[in-house]
Amino acid sequence: MENQINTPQQGTYNSKTVAGIIILALGVLFLLKDINFFLFPHWIFSWPMFLIGFAVYIGSKHNFRRSNWIALLAVGFAFLLPNIIPSLSFGMLWPLPMIAIGLFMVLRRNQYWDGASWKKVN
């Protein structure tokens, strides 16, 4: 008597499945735009949203382990924010990354990155 246990594979999806979901979502969005859906914002089909979608795609492709998608997401969000909040201008946003980088440099001044973790310098 043989004991054969069939275990289903977990997390089996390929790039065709992800591409199909993306095409399906885009088709629904284009349909909603064409039928003038009343809750449909005008900024959905802007280039910053494309950049945000591309960043999410890259992040999901690598299970959000790499950090390169965060930069794309931040740039897309920075350019999308004035479309969402009209009173906010891009001139008010560009100093924020400079402030963040400056704070990062000040707070990490006695440390360096060795590729795996932060090391403290004496």
PDB file of N, CA and C in Angstrom:
ATOM      1  N   MET A   1       0.819  -1.171   0.000  1.00  0.00           N
ATOM      2  CA  MET A   1       0.000   0.000   0.000  1.00  0.00           C
ATOM      3  C   MET A   1       0.873   1.249   0.000  1.00  0.00           C
ATOM      4  N   GLU A   2       0.595   2.135  -0.909  1.00  0.00           N
ATOM      5  CA  GLU A   2       1.383   3.357  -1.000  1.00  0.00           C
ATOM      6  C   GLU A   2       0.624   4.507  -0.364  1.00  0.00           C
ATOM      7  N   ASN A   3       1.363   5.292   0.371  1.00  0.00           N
ATOM      8  CA  ASN A   3       0.803   6.518   0.932  1.00  0.00           C
ATOM      9  C   ASN A   3       1.324   7.688   0.106  1.00  0.00           C
ATOM     10  N   GLN A   4       0.444   8.257  -0.617  1.00  0.00           N
ATOM     11  CA  GLN A   4       0.832   9.376  -1.451  1.00  0.00           C
ATOM     12  C   GLN A   4       0.042  10.594  -1.013  1.00  0.00           C
ATOM     13  N   ILE A   5       0.756  11.603  -0.584  1.00  0.00           N
ATOM     14  CA  ILE A   5       0.113  12.819  -0.117  1.00  0.00           C
ATOM     15  C   ILE A   5       0.380  13.908  -1.138  1.00  0.00           C
ATOM     16  N   ASN A   6      -0.677  14.453  -1.643  1.00  0.00           N
ATOM     17  CA  ASN A   6      -0.562  15.554  -2.594  1.00  0.00           C
ATOM     18  C   ASN A   6      -0.731  16.860  -1.841  1.00  0.00           C
ATOM     19  N   THR A   7       0.303  17.641  -1.835  1.00  0.00           N
ATOM     20  CA  THR A   7       0.211  18.943  -1.179  1.00  0.00           C
ATOM     21  C   THR A   7       0.126  20.019  -2.244  1.00  0.00           C
ATOM     22  N   PRO A   8      -0.859  20.877  -2.138  1.00  0.00           N
ATOM     23  CA  PRO A   8      -0.970  21.949  -3.128  1.00  0.00           C
ATOM     24  C   PRO A   8       0.139  22.963  -2.927  1.00  0.00           C
ATOM     25  N   GLN A   9       0.594  23.515  -4.031  1.00  0.00           N
ATOM     26  CA  GLN A   9       1.630  24.534  -3.953  1.00  0.00           C
ATOM     27  C   GLN A   9       0.997  25.847  -3.518  1.00  0.00           C
ATOM     28  N   GLN A  10       1.647  26.496  -2.568  1.00  0.00           N
ATOM     29  CA  GLN A  10       1.116  27.758  -2.072  1.00  0.00           C
ATOM     30  C   GLN A  10       1.813  28.912  -2.769  1.00  0.00           C
ATOM     31  N   GLY A  11       1.041  29.967  -3.002  1.00  0.00           N
ATOM     32  CA  GLY A  11       1.611  31.163  -3.600  1.00  0.00           C
ATOM     33  C   GLY A  11       2.031  30.988  -5.045  1.00  0.00           C
ATOM     34  N   THR A  12       1.326  30.130  -5.776  1.00  0.00           N
ATOM     35  CA  THR A  12       1.700  29.920  -7.167  1.00  0.00           C
ATOM     36  C   THR A  12       0.981  30.938  -8.045  1.00  0.00           C
ATOM     37  N   TYR A  13       1.711  31.895  -8.495  1.00  0.00           N
ATOM     38  CA  TYR A  13       1.224  32.823  -9.494  1.00  0.00           C
ATOM     39  C   TYR A  13       2.414  33.231 -10.342  1.00  0.00           C
ATOM     40  N   ASN A  14       2.129  33.569 -11.543  1.00  0.00           N
ATOM     41  CA  ASN A  14       3.215  33.955 -12.429  1.00  0.00           C
ATOM     42  C   ASN A  14       2.984  35.363 -12.947  1.00  0.00           C
ATOM     43  N   SER A  15       3.878  35.810 -13.765  1.00  0.00           N
ATOM     44  CA  SER A  15       3.784  37.187 -14.254  1.00  0.00           C
ATOM     45  C   SER A  15       2.571  37.392 -15.160  1.00  0.00           C
ATOM     46  N   LYS A  16       2.096  36.322 -15.808  1.00  0.00           N
ATOM     47  CA  LYS A  16       0.904  36.450 -16.646  1.00  0.00           C
ATOM     48  C   LYS A  16      -0.327  36.755 -15.808  1.00  0.00           C
ATOM     49  N   THR A  17      -0.404  36.177 -14.618  1.00  0.00           N
ATOM     50  CA  THR A  17      -1.526  36.442 -13.732  1.00  0.00           C
ATOM     51  C   THR A  17      -1.509  37.895 -13.267  1.00  0.00           C
ATOM     52  N   VAL A  18      -0.345  38.386 -12.863  1.00  0.00           N
ATOM     53  CA  VAL A  18      -0.225  39.772 -12.418  1.00  0.00           C
ATOM     54  C   VAL A  18      -0.542  40.722 -13.567  1.00  0.00           C
ATOM     55  N   ALA A  19      -0.026  40.434 -14.750  1.00  0.00           N
ATOM     56  CA  ALA A  19      -0.299  41.282 -15.913  1.00  0.00           C
ATOM     57  C   ALA A  19      -1.791  41.258 -16.251  1.00  0.00           C
ATOM     58  N   GLY A  20      -2.424  40.106 -16.128  1.00  0.00           N
ATOM     59  CA  GLY A  20      -3.867  40.009 -16.387  1.00  0.00           C
ATOM     60  C   GLY A  20      -4.682  40.832 -15.410  1.00  0.00           C
ATOM     61  N   ILE A  21      -4.287  40.814 -14.150  1.00  0.00           N
ATOM     62  CA  ILE A  21      -4.993  41.612 -13.146  1.00  0.00           C
ATOM     63  C   ILE A  21      -4.815  43.094 -13.427  1.00  0.00           C
ATOM     64  N   ILE A  22      -3.615  43.496 -13.816  1.00  0.00           N
ATOM     65  CA  ILE A  22      -3.359  44.904 -14.122  1.00  0.00           C
ATOM     66  C   ILE A  22      -4.180  45.349 -15.330  1.00  0.00           C
ATOM     67  N   ILE A  23      -4.221  44.526 -16.383  1.00  0.00           N
ATOM     68  CA  ILE A  23      -5.005  44.869 -17.571  1.00  0.00           C
ATOM     69  C   ILE A  23      -6.491  44.933 -17.238  1.00  0.00           C
ATOM     70  N   LEU A  24      -6.974  44.009 -16.414  1.00  0.00           N
ATOM     71  CA  LEU A  24      -8.369  44.018 -15.982  1.00  0.00           C
ATOM     72  C   LEU A  24      -8.690  45.295 -15.218  1.00  0.00           C
ATOM     73  N   ALA A  25      -7.824  45.686 -14.284  1.00  0.00           N
ATOM     74  CA  ALA A  25      -8.053  46.903 -13.501  1.00  0.00           C
ATOM     75  C   ALA A  25      -8.035  48.141 -14.392  1.00  0.00           C
ATOM     76  N   LEU A  26      -7.098  48.192 -15.345  1.00  0.00           N
ATOM     77  CA  LEU A  26      -7.054  49.332 -16.263  1.00  0.00           C
ATOM     78  C   LEU A  26      -8.309  49.399 -17.127  1.00  0.00           C
ATOM     79  N   GLY A  27      -8.794  48.258 -17.573  1.00  0.00           N
ATOM     80  CA  GLY A  27     -10.023  48.235 -18.367  1.00  0.00           C
ATOM     81  C   GLY A  27     -11.213  48.761 -17.586  1.00  0.00           C
ATOM     82  N   VAL A  28     -11.323  48.372 -16.321  1.00  0.00           N
ATOM     83  CA  VAL A  28     -12.416  48.864 -15.479  1.00  0.00           C
ATOM     84  C   VAL A  28     -12.282  50.372 -15.275  1.00  0.00           C
ATOM     85  N   LEU A  29     -11.055  50.843 -15.038  1.00  0.00           N
ATOM     86  CA  LEU A  29     -10.856  52.278 -14.838  1.00  0.00           C
ATOM     87  C   LEU A  29     -11.189  53.078 -16.094  1.00  0.00           C
ATOM     88  N   PHE A  30     -10.774  52.592 -17.269  1.00  0.00           N
ATOM     89  CA  PHE A  30     -11.111  53.287 -18.512  1.00  0.00           C
ATOM     90  C   PHE A  30     -12.616  53.298 -18.746  1.00  0.00           C
ATOM     91  N   LEU A  31     -13.283  52.203 -18.413  1.00  0.00           N
ATOM     92  CA  LEU A  31     -14.730  52.155 -18.561  1.00  0.00           C
ATOM     93  C   LEU A  31     -15.408  53.164 -17.640  1.00  0.00           C
ATOM     94  N   LEU A  32     -14.957  53.243 -16.388  1.00  0.00           N
ATOM     95  CA  LEU A  32     -15.530  54.212 -15.452  1.00  0.00           C
ATOM     96  C   LEU A  32     -15.286  55.643 -15.915  1.00  0.00           C
ATOM     97  N   LYS A  33     -14.131  55.890 -16.515  1.00  0.00           N
ATOM     98  CA  LYS A  33     -13.838  57.231 -17.026  1.00  0.00           C
ATOM     99  C   LYS A  33     -14.757  57.578 -18.187  1.00  0.00           C
ATOM    100  N   ASP A  34     -14.998  56.625 -19.090  1.00  0.00           N
ATOM    101  CA  ASP A  34     -15.809  56.888 -20.281  1.00  0.00           C
ATOM    102  C   ASP A  34     -17.294  57.052 -19.969  1.00  0.00           C
ATOM    103  N   ILE A  35     -17.779  56.416 -18.915  1.00  0.00           N
ATOM    104  CA  ILE A  35     -19.206  56.552 -18.596  1.00  0.00           C
ATOM    105  C   ILE A  35     -19.450  57.688 -17.612  1.00  0.00           C
ATOM    106  N   ASN A  36     -18.403  58.494 -17.355  1.00  0.00           N
ATOM    107  CA  ASN A  36     -18.497  59.663 -16.475  1.00  0.00           C
ATOM    108  C   ASN A  36     -19.042  59.303 -15.102  1.00  0.00           C
ATOM    109  N   PHE A  37     -18.427  58.344 -14.499  1.00  0.00           N
ATOM    110  CA  PHE A  37     -18.796  57.937 -13.137  1.00  0.00           C
ATOM    111  C   PHE A  37     -18.576  59.136 -12.222  1.00  0.00           C
ATOM    112  N   PHE A  38     -19.578  59.484 -11.439  1.00  0.00           N
ATOM    113  CA  PHE A  38     -19.543  60.752 -10.718  1.00  0.00           C
ATOM    114  C   PHE A  38     -18.497  60.821  -9.607  1.00  0.00           C
ATOM    115  N   LEU A  39     -18.036  59.717  -9.092  1.00  0.00           N
ATOM    116  CA  LEU A  39     -17.034  59.741  -8.031  1.00  0.00           C
ATOM    117  C   LEU A  39     -15.619  59.511  -8.560  1.00  0.00           C
ATOM    118  N   PHE A  40     -15.458  59.569  -9.847  1.00  0.00           N
ATOM    119  CA  PHE A  40     -14.183  59.257 -10.476  1.00  0.00           C
ATOM    120  C   PHE A  40     -13.313  60.508 -10.532  1.00  0.00           C
ATOM    121  N   PRO A  41     -12.201  60.561  -9.791  1.00  0.00           N
ATOM    122  CA  PRO A  41     -11.357  61.762  -9.812  1.00  0.00           C
ATOM    123  C   PRO A  41     -10.593  61.903 -11.120  1.00  0.00           C
ATOM    124  N   HIS A  42     -10.254  63.147 -11.458  1.00  0.00           N
ATOM    125  CA  HIS A  42      -9.594  63.431 -12.736  1.00  0.00           C
ATOM    126  C   HIS A  42      -8.129  63.015 -12.751  1.00  0.00           C
ATOM    127  N   TRP A  43      -7.498  62.856 -11.611  1.00  0.00           N
ATOM    128  CA  TRP A  43      -6.064  62.586 -11.546  1.00  0.00           C
ATOM    129  C   TRP A  43      -5.714  61.100 -11.642  1.00  0.00           C
ATOM    130  N   ILE A  44      -6.703  60.235 -11.785  1.00  0.00           N
ATOM    131  CA  ILE A  44      -6.440  58.790 -11.857  1.00  0.00           C
ATOM    132  C   ILE A  44      -5.574  58.446 -13.066  1.00  0.00           C
ATOM    133  N   PHE A  45      -5.770  59.114 -14.187  1.00  0.00           N
ATOM    134  CA  PHE A  45      -5.022  58.795 -15.397  1.00  0.00           C
ATOM    135  C   PHE A  45      -3.878  59.771 -15.645  1.00  0.00           C
ATOM    136  N   SER A  46      -3.289  60.288 -14.599  1.00  0.00           N
ATOM    137  CA  SER A  46      -2.146  61.180 -14.748  1.00  0.00           C
ATOM    138  C   SER A  46      -0.853  60.369 -14.684  1.00  0.00           C
ATOM    139  N   TRP A  47       0.242  60.973 -15.114  1.00  0.00           N
ATOM    140  CA  TRP A  47       1.519  60.261 -15.121  1.00  0.00           C
ATOM    141  C   TRP A  47       2.019  59.955 -13.718  1.00  0.00           C
ATOM    142  N   PRO A  48       1.730  60.768 -12.682  1.00  0.00           N
ATOM    143  CA  PRO A  48       2.167  60.355 -11.346  1.00  0.00           C
ATOM    144  C   PRO A  48       1.490  59.065 -10.872  1.00  0.00           C
ATOM    145  N   MET A  49       0.228  58.857 -11.269  1.00  0.00           N
ATOM    146  CA  MET A  49      -0.444  57.606 -10.898  1.00  0.00           C
ATOM    147  C   MET A  49       0.184  56.422 -11.618  1.00  0.00           C
ATOM    148  N   PHE A  50       0.612  56.633 -12.862  1.00  0.00           N
ATOM    149  CA  PHE A  50       1.320  55.580 -13.576  1.00  0.00           C
ATOM    150  C   PHE A  50       2.614  55.223 -12.851  1.00  0.00           C
ATOM    151  N   LEU A  51       3.328  56.244 -12.375  1.00  0.00           N
ATOM    152  CA  LEU A  51       4.574  56.021 -11.645  1.00  0.00           C
ATOM    153  C   LEU A  51       4.318  55.291 -10.332  1.00  0.00           C
ATOM    154  N   ILE A  52       3.249  55.639  -9.636  1.00  0.00           N
ATOM    155  CA  ILE A  52       2.891  54.960  -8.390  1.00  0.00           C
ATOM    156  C   ILE A  52       2.523  53.509  -8.667  1.00  0.00           C
ATOM    157  N   GLY A  53       1.748  53.279  -9.720  1.00  0.00           N
ATOM    158  CA  GLY A  53       1.391  51.910 -10.077  1.00  0.00           C
ATOM    159  C   GLY A  53       2.604  51.080 -10.459  1.00  0.00           C
ATOM    160  N   PHE A  54       3.533  51.685 -11.183  1.00  0.00           N
ATOM    161  CA  PHE A  54       4.759  50.988 -11.557  1.00  0.00           C
ATOM    162  C   PHE A  54       5.592  50.667 -10.316  1.00  0.00           C
ATOM    163  N   ALA A  55       5.628  51.586  -9.357  1.00  0.00           N
ATOM    164  CA  ALA A  55       6.373  51.350  -8.112  1.00  0.00           C
ATOM    165  C   ALA A  55       5.763  50.195  -7.319  1.00  0.00           C
ATOM    166  N   VAL A  56       4.447  50.148  -7.263  1.00  0.00           N
ATOM    167  CA  VAL A  56       3.782  49.048  -6.554  1.00  0.00           C
ATOM    168  C   VAL A  56       4.028  47.730  -7.275  1.00  0.00           C
ATOM    169  N   TYR A  57       4.034  47.755  -8.607  1.00  0.00           N
ATOM    170  CA  TYR A  57       4.319  46.542  -9.374  1.00  0.00           C
ATOM    171  C   TYR A  57       5.729  46.033  -9.101  1.00  0.00           C
ATOM    172  N   ILE A  58       6.707  46.939  -9.120  1.00  0.00           N
ATOM    173  CA  ILE A  58       8.090  46.530  -8.856  1.00  0.00           C
ATOM    174  C   ILE A  58       8.227  46.008  -7.428  1.00  0.00           C
ATOM    175  N   GLY A  59       7.586  46.681  -6.489  1.00  0.00           N
ATOM    176  CA  GLY A  59       7.644  46.214  -5.103  1.00  0.00           C
ATOM    177  C   GLY A  59       7.007  44.852  -4.922  1.00  0.00           C
ATOM    178  N   SER A  60       5.869  44.637  -5.551  1.00  0.00           N
ATOM    179  CA  SER A  60       5.202  43.344  -5.403  1.00  0.00           C
ATOM    180  C   SER A  60       5.956  42.228  -6.119  1.00  0.00           C
ATOM    181  N   LYS A  61       6.663  42.579  -7.176  1.00  0.00           N
ATOM    182  CA  LYS A  61       7.433  41.577  -7.908  1.00  0.00           C
ATOM    183  C   LYS A  61       8.556  41.002  -7.042  1.00  0.00           C
ATOM    184  N   HIS A  62       9.105  41.833  -6.164  1.00  0.00           N
ATOM    185  CA  HIS A  62      10.193  41.406  -5.282  1.00  0.00           C
ATOM    186  C   HIS A  62       9.738  41.272  -3.830  1.00  0.00           C
ATOM    187  N   ASN A  63       8.427  41.119  -3.622  1.00  0.00           N
ATOM    188  CA  ASN A  63       7.838  40.963  -2.285  1.00  0.00           C
ATOM    189  C   ASN A  63       8.210  42.106  -1.350  1.00  0.00           C
ATOM    190  N   PHE A  64       8.379  43.290  -1.880  1.00  0.00           N
ATOM    191  CA  PHE A  64       8.675  44.518  -1.134  1.00  0.00           C
ATOM    192  C   PHE A  64       9.931  44.385  -0.274  1.00  0.00           C
ATOM    193  N   ARG A  65      10.869  43.561  -0.700  1.00  0.00           N
ATOM    194  CA  ARG A  65      12.123  43.375   0.039  1.00  0.00           C
ATOM    195  C   ARG A  65      13.159  44.416  -0.340  1.00  0.00           C
ATOM    196  N   ARG A  66      13.202  44.772  -1.596  1.00  0.00           N
ATOM    197  CA  ARG A  66      14.140  45.808  -2.051  1.00  0.00           C
ATOM    198  C   ARG A  66      13.498  47.175  -1.827  1.00  0.00           C
ATOM    199  N   SER A  67      14.336  48.182  -1.740  1.00  0.00           N
ATOM    200  CA  SER A  67      13.796  49.509  -1.430  1.00  0.00           C
ATOM    201  C   SER A  67      13.735  50.439  -2.631  1.00  0.00           C
ATOM    202  N   ASN A  68      14.026  49.971  -3.834  1.00  0.00           N
ATOM    203  CA  ASN A  68      14.014  50.858  -4.991  1.00  0.00           C
ATOM    204  C   ASN A  68      12.610  51.324  -5.360  1.00  0.00           C
ATOM    205  N   TRP A  69      11.593  50.585  -5.017  1.00  0.00           N
ATOM    206  CA  TRP A  69      10.229  50.975  -5.331  1.00  0.00           C
ATOM    207  C   TRP A  69       9.784  52.164  -4.485  1.00  0.00           C
ATOM    208  N   ILE A  70      10.403  52.360  -3.328  1.00  0.00           N
ATOM    209  CA  ILE A  70      10.013  53.452  -2.436  1.00  0.00           C
ATOM    210  C   ILE A  70      10.337  54.799  -3.075  1.00  0.00           C
ATOM    211  N   ALA A  71      11.459  54.893  -3.762  1.00  0.00           N
ATOM    212  CA  ALA A  71      11.835  56.150  -4.421  1.00  0.00           C
ATOM    213  C   ALA A  71      10.834  56.502  -5.524  1.00  0.00           C
ATOM    214  N   LEU A  72      10.454  55.516  -6.325  1.00  0.00           N
ATOM    215  CA  LEU A  72       9.464  55.771  -7.377  1.00  0.00           C
ATOM    216  C   LEU A  72       8.128  56.182  -6.781  1.00  0.00           C
ATOM    217  N   LEU A  73       7.732  55.516  -5.713  1.00  0.00           N
ATOM    218  CA  LEU A  73       6.474  55.833  -5.047  1.00  0.00           C
ATOM    219  C   LEU A  73       6.503  57.252  -4.478  1.00  0.00           C
ATOM    220  N   ALA A  74       7.612  57.638  -3.873  1.00  0.00           N
ATOM    221  CA  ALA A  74       7.726  58.977  -3.294  1.00  0.00           C
ATOM    222  C   ALA A  74       7.667  60.057  -4.369  1.00  0.00           C
ATOM    223  N   VAL A  75       8.353  59.842  -5.493  1.00  0.00           N
ATOM    224  CA  VAL A  75       8.324  60.831  -6.580  1.00  0.00           C
ATOM    225  C   VAL A  75       6.919  60.931  -7.162  1.00  0.00           C
ATOM    226  N   GLY A  76       6.285  59.803  -7.401  1.00  0.00           N
ATOM    227  CA  GLY A  76       4.922  59.820  -7.924  1.00  0.00           C
ATOM    228  C   GLY A  76       3.954  60.502  -6.979  1.00  0.00           C
ATOM    229  N   PHE A  77       4.084  60.219  -5.695  1.00  0.00           N
ATOM    230  CA  PHE A  77       3.193  60.829  -4.712  1.00  0.00           C
ATOM    231  C   PHE A  77       3.455  62.326  -4.589  1.00  0.00           C
ATOM    232  N   ALA A  78       4.718  62.740  -4.670  1.00  0.00           N
ATOM    233  CA  ALA A  78       5.042  64.159  -4.576  1.00  0.00           C
ATOM    234  C   ALA A  78       4.426  64.948  -5.736  1.00  0.00           C
ATOM    235  N   PHE A  79       4.431  64.377  -6.939  1.00  0.00           N
ATOM    236  CA  PHE A  79       3.842  65.067  -8.076  1.00  0.00           C
ATOM    237  C   PHE A  79       2.318  64.925  -8.122  1.00  0.00           C
ATOM    238  N   LEU A  80       1.772  63.917  -7.451  1.00  0.00           N
ATOM    239  CA  LEU A  80       0.321  63.721  -7.444  1.00  0.00           C
ATOM    240  C   LEU A  80      -0.366  64.572  -6.385  1.00  0.00           C
ATOM    241  N   LEU A  81       0.319  64.878  -5.315  1.00  0.00           N
ATOM    242  CA  LEU A  81      -0.292  65.602  -4.202  1.00  0.00           C
ATOM    243  C   LEU A  81      -0.892  66.947  -4.605  1.00  0.00           C
ATOM    244  N   PRO A  82      -0.240  67.771  -5.439  1.00  0.00           N
ATOM    245  CA  PRO A  82      -0.899  69.019  -5.860  1.00  0.00           C
ATOM    246  C   PRO A  82      -2.165  68.798  -6.687  1.00  0.00           C
ATOM    247  N   ASN A  83      -2.293  67.654  -7.366  1.00  0.00           N
ATOM    248  CA  ASN A  83      -3.529  67.360  -8.099  1.00  0.00           C
ATOM    249  C   ASN A  83      -4.663  67.010  -7.149  1.00  0.00           C
ATOM    250  N   ILE A  84      -4.336  66.373  -6.046  1.00  0.00           N
ATOM    251  CA  ILE A  84      -5.357  65.981  -5.074  1.00  0.00           C
ATOM    252  C   ILE A  84      -5.755  67.180  -4.220  1.00  0.00           C
ATOM    253  N   ILE A  85      -4.772  67.954  -3.781  1.00  0.00           N
ATOM    254  CA  ILE A  85      -5.014  69.138  -2.954  1.00  0.00           C
ATOM    255  C   ILE A  85      -4.600  70.356  -3.786  1.00  0.00           C
ATOM    256  N   PRO A  86      -5.547  71.027  -4.457  1.00  0.00           N
ATOM    257  CA  PRO A  86      -5.196  72.114  -5.374  1.00  0.00           C
ATOM    258  C   PRO A  86      -4.497  73.300  -4.707  1.00  0.00           C
ATOM    259  N   SER A  87      -4.746  73.548  -3.439  1.00  0.00           N
ATOM    260  CA  SER A  87      -4.117  74.696  -2.786  1.00  0.00           C
ATOM    261  C   SER A  87      -2.647  74.453  -2.471  1.00  0.00           C
ATOM    262  N   LEU A  88      -2.207  73.216  -2.612  1.00  0.00           N
ATOM    263  CA  LEU A  88      -0.820  72.861  -2.347  1.00  0.00           C
ATOM    264  C   LEU A  88      -0.026  72.957  -3.641  1.00  0.00           C
ATOM    265  N   SER A  89       1.075  73.675  -3.621  1.00  0.00           N
ATOM    266  CA  SER A  89       1.874  73.815  -4.834  1.00  0.00           C
ATOM    267  C   SER A  89       3.148  72.993  -4.710  1.00  0.00           C
ATOM    268  N   PHE A  90       3.758  72.709  -5.849  1.00  0.00           N
ATOM    269  CA  PHE A  90       4.993  71.935  -5.859  1.00  0.00           C
ATOM    270  C   PHE A  90       6.124  72.698  -5.188  1.00  0.00           C
ATOM    271  N   GLY A  91       6.059  74.027  -5.217  1.00  0.00           N
ATOM    272  CA  GLY A  91       7.066  74.839  -4.563  1.00  0.00           C
ATOM    273  C   GLY A  91       7.108  74.616  -3.053  1.00  0.00           C
ATOM    274  N   MET A  92       5.995  74.178  -2.493  1.00  0.00           N
ATOM    275  CA  MET A  92       5.951  73.888  -1.064  1.00  0.00           C
ATOM    276  C   MET A  92       6.470  72.489  -0.764  1.00  0.00           C
ATOM    277  N   LEU A  93       6.556  71.637  -1.771  1.00  0.00           N
ATOM    278  CA  LEU A  93       6.931  70.239  -1.538  1.00  0.00           C
ATOM    279  C   LEU A  93       8.415  69.949  -1.710  1.00  0.00           C
ATOM    280  N   TRP A  94       9.105  70.651  -2.600  1.00  0.00           N
ATOM    281  CA  TRP A  94      10.482  70.272  -2.909  1.00  0.00           C
ATOM    282  C   TRP A  94      11.435  70.415  -1.739  1.00  0.00           C
ATOM    283  N   PRO A  95      11.230  71.297  -0.754  1.00  0.00           N
ATOM    284  CA  PRO A  95      12.154  71.331   0.383  1.00  0.00           C
ATOM    285  C   PRO A  95      12.030  70.121   1.315  1.00  0.00           C
ATOM    286  N   LEU A  96      10.906  69.418   1.270  1.00  0.00           N
ATOM    287  CA  LEU A  96      10.713  68.289   2.189  1.00  0.00           C
ATOM    288  C   LEU A  96      11.751  67.181   2.022  1.00  0.00           C
ATOM    289  N   PRO A  97      12.094  66.753   0.801  1.00  0.00           N
ATOM    290  CA  PRO A  97      13.159  65.744   0.682  1.00  0.00           C
ATOM    291  C   PRO A  97      14.508  66.243   1.180  1.00  0.00           C
ATOM    292  N   MET A  98      14.773  67.531   0.974  1.00  0.00           N
ATOM    293  CA  MET A  98      16.031  68.085   1.480  1.00  0.00           C
ATOM    294  C   MET A  98      16.071  68.037   3.006  1.00  0.00           C
ATOM    295  N   ILE A  99      14.961  68.363   3.636  1.00  0.00           N
ATOM    296  CA  ILE A  99      14.885  68.304   5.099  1.00  0.00           C
ATOM    297  C   ILE A  99      15.061  66.871   5.579  1.00  0.00           C
ATOM    298  N   ALA A 100      14.420  65.922   4.896  1.00  0.00           N
ATOM    299  CA  ALA A 100      14.522  64.514   5.298  1.00  0.00           C
ATOM    300  C   ALA A 100      15.952  63.997   5.153  1.00  0.00           C
ATOM    301  N   ILE A 101      16.622  64.336   4.055  1.00  0.00           N
ATOM    302  CA  ILE A 101      18.003  63.895   3.850  1.00  0.00           C
ATOM    303  C   ILE A 101      18.925  64.532   4.882  1.00  0.00           C
ATOM    304  N   GLY A 102      18.715  65.817   5.161  1.00  0.00           N
ATOM    305  CA  GLY A 102      19.521  66.493   6.174  1.00  0.00           C
ATOM    306  C   GLY A 102      19.352  65.878   7.555  1.00  0.00           C
ATOM    307  N   LEU A 103      18.102  65.580   7.935  1.00  0.00           N
ATOM    308  CA  LEU A 103      17.857  64.924   9.225  1.00  0.00           C
ATOM    309  C   LEU A 103      18.497  63.545   9.275  1.00  0.00           C
ATOM    310  N   PHE A 104      18.416  62.823   8.187  1.00  0.00           N
ATOM    311  CA  PHE A 104      19.021  61.498   8.131  1.00  0.00           C
ATOM    312  C   PHE A 104      20.524  61.586   8.315  1.00  0.00           C
ATOM    313  N   MET A 105      21.151  62.556   7.655  1.00  0.00           N
ATOM    314  CA  MET A 105      22.597  62.703   7.772  1.00  0.00           C
ATOM    315  C   MET A 105      23.019  63.128   9.176  1.00  0.00           C
ATOM    316  N   VAL A 106      22.241  63.983   9.818  1.00  0.00           N
ATOM    317  CA  VAL A 106      22.576  64.432  11.166  1.00  0.00           C
ATOM    318  C   VAL A 106      22.388  63.309  12.173  1.00  0.00           C
ATOM    319  N   LEU A 107      21.295  62.582  12.050  1.00  0.00           N
ATOM    320  CA  LEU A 107      21.002  61.536  13.025  1.00  0.00           C
ATOM    321  C   LEU A 107      21.886  60.307  12.853  1.00  0.00           C
ATOM    322  N   ARG A 108      22.425  60.066  11.674  1.00  0.00           N
ATOM    323  CA  ARG A 108      23.280  58.911  11.405  1.00  0.00           C
ATOM    324  C   ARG A 108      24.739  59.305  11.189  1.00  0.00           C
ATOM    325  N   ARG A 109      25.185  60.421  11.736  1.00  0.00           N
ATOM    326  CA  ARG A 109      26.524  60.923  11.424  1.00  0.00           C
ATOM    327  C   ARG A 109      27.634  60.047  11.967  1.00  0.00           C
ATOM    328  N   ASN A 110      27.424  59.310  13.055  1.00  0.00           N
ATOM    329  CA  ASN A 110      28.456  58.455  13.638  1.00  0.00           C
ATOM    330  C   ASN A 110      28.252  56.987  13.265  1.00  0.00           C
ATOM    331  N   GLN A 111      27.497  56.729  12.209  1.00  0.00           N
ATOM    332  CA  GLN A 111      27.211  55.357  11.808  1.00  0.00           C
ATOM    333  C   GLN A 111      27.421  55.210  10.305  1.00  0.00           C
ATOM    334  N   TYR A 112      27.710  53.993   9.892  1.00  0.00           N
ATOM    335  CA  TYR A 112      27.834  53.721   8.467  1.00  0.00           C
ATOM    336  C   TYR A 112      27.157  52.386   8.161  1.00  0.00           C
ATOM    337  N   TRP A 113      26.804  52.220   6.925  1.00  0.00           N
ATOM    338  CA  TRP A 113      26.093  51.025   6.451  1.00  0.00           C
ATOM    339  C   TRP A 113      27.111  50.071   5.847  1.00  0.00           C
ATOM    340  N   ASP A 114      27.229  48.844   6.388  1.00  0.00           N
ATOM    341  CA  ASP A 114      28.198  47.886   5.857  1.00  0.00           C
ATOM    342  C   ASP A 114      27.561  46.887   4.890  1.00  0.00           C
ATOM    343  N   GLY A 115      26.331  47.119   4.524  1.00  0.00           N
ATOM    344  CA  GLY A 115      25.637  46.227   3.597  1.00  0.00           C
ATOM    345  C   GLY A 115      24.651  45.332   4.288  1.00  0.00           C
ATOM    346  N   ALA A 116      24.803  45.109   5.584  1.00  0.00           N
ATOM    347  CA  ALA A 116      23.876  44.263   6.314  1.00  0.00           C
ATOM    348  C   ALA A 116      23.224  45.004   7.475  1.00  0.00           C
ATOM    349  N   SER A 117      23.954  45.899   8.101  1.00  0.00           N
ATOM    350  CA  SER A 117      23.399  46.638   9.234  1.00  0.00           C
ATOM    351  C   SER A 117      24.196  47.922   9.450  1.00  0.00           C
ATOM    352  N   TRP A 118      23.668  48.765  10.303  1.00  0.00           N
ATOM    353  CA  TRP A 118      24.358  50.011  10.654  1.00  0.00           C
ATOM    354  C   TRP A 118      25.416  49.725  11.698  1.00  0.00           C
ATOM    355  N   LYS A 119      26.620  50.226  11.503  1.00  0.00           N
ATOM    356  CA  LYS A 119      27.729  50.075  12.444  1.00  0.00           C
ATOM    357  C   LYS A 119      28.065  51.435  13.009  1.00  0.00           C
ATOM    358  N   LYS A 120      28.332  51.483  14.307  1.00  0.00           N
ATOM    359  CA  LYS A 120      28.670  52.738  14.971  1.00  0.00           C
ATOM    360  C   LYS A 120      30.169  52.978  14.890  1.00  0.00           C
ATOM    361  N   VAL A 121      30.552  54.212  14.558  1.00  0.00           N
ATOM    362  CA  VAL A 121      31.955  54.609  14.459  1.00  0.00           C
ATOM    363  C   VAL A 121      32.325  55.310  15.754  1.00  0.00           C
ATOM    364  N   ASN A 122      33.445  54.916  16.352  1.00  0.00           N
ATOM    365  CA  ASN A 122      33.897  55.560  17.597  1.00  0.00           C
ATOM    366  C   ASN A 122      34.795  56.731  17.308  1.00  0.00           C
TER     367      ASN A 122
END
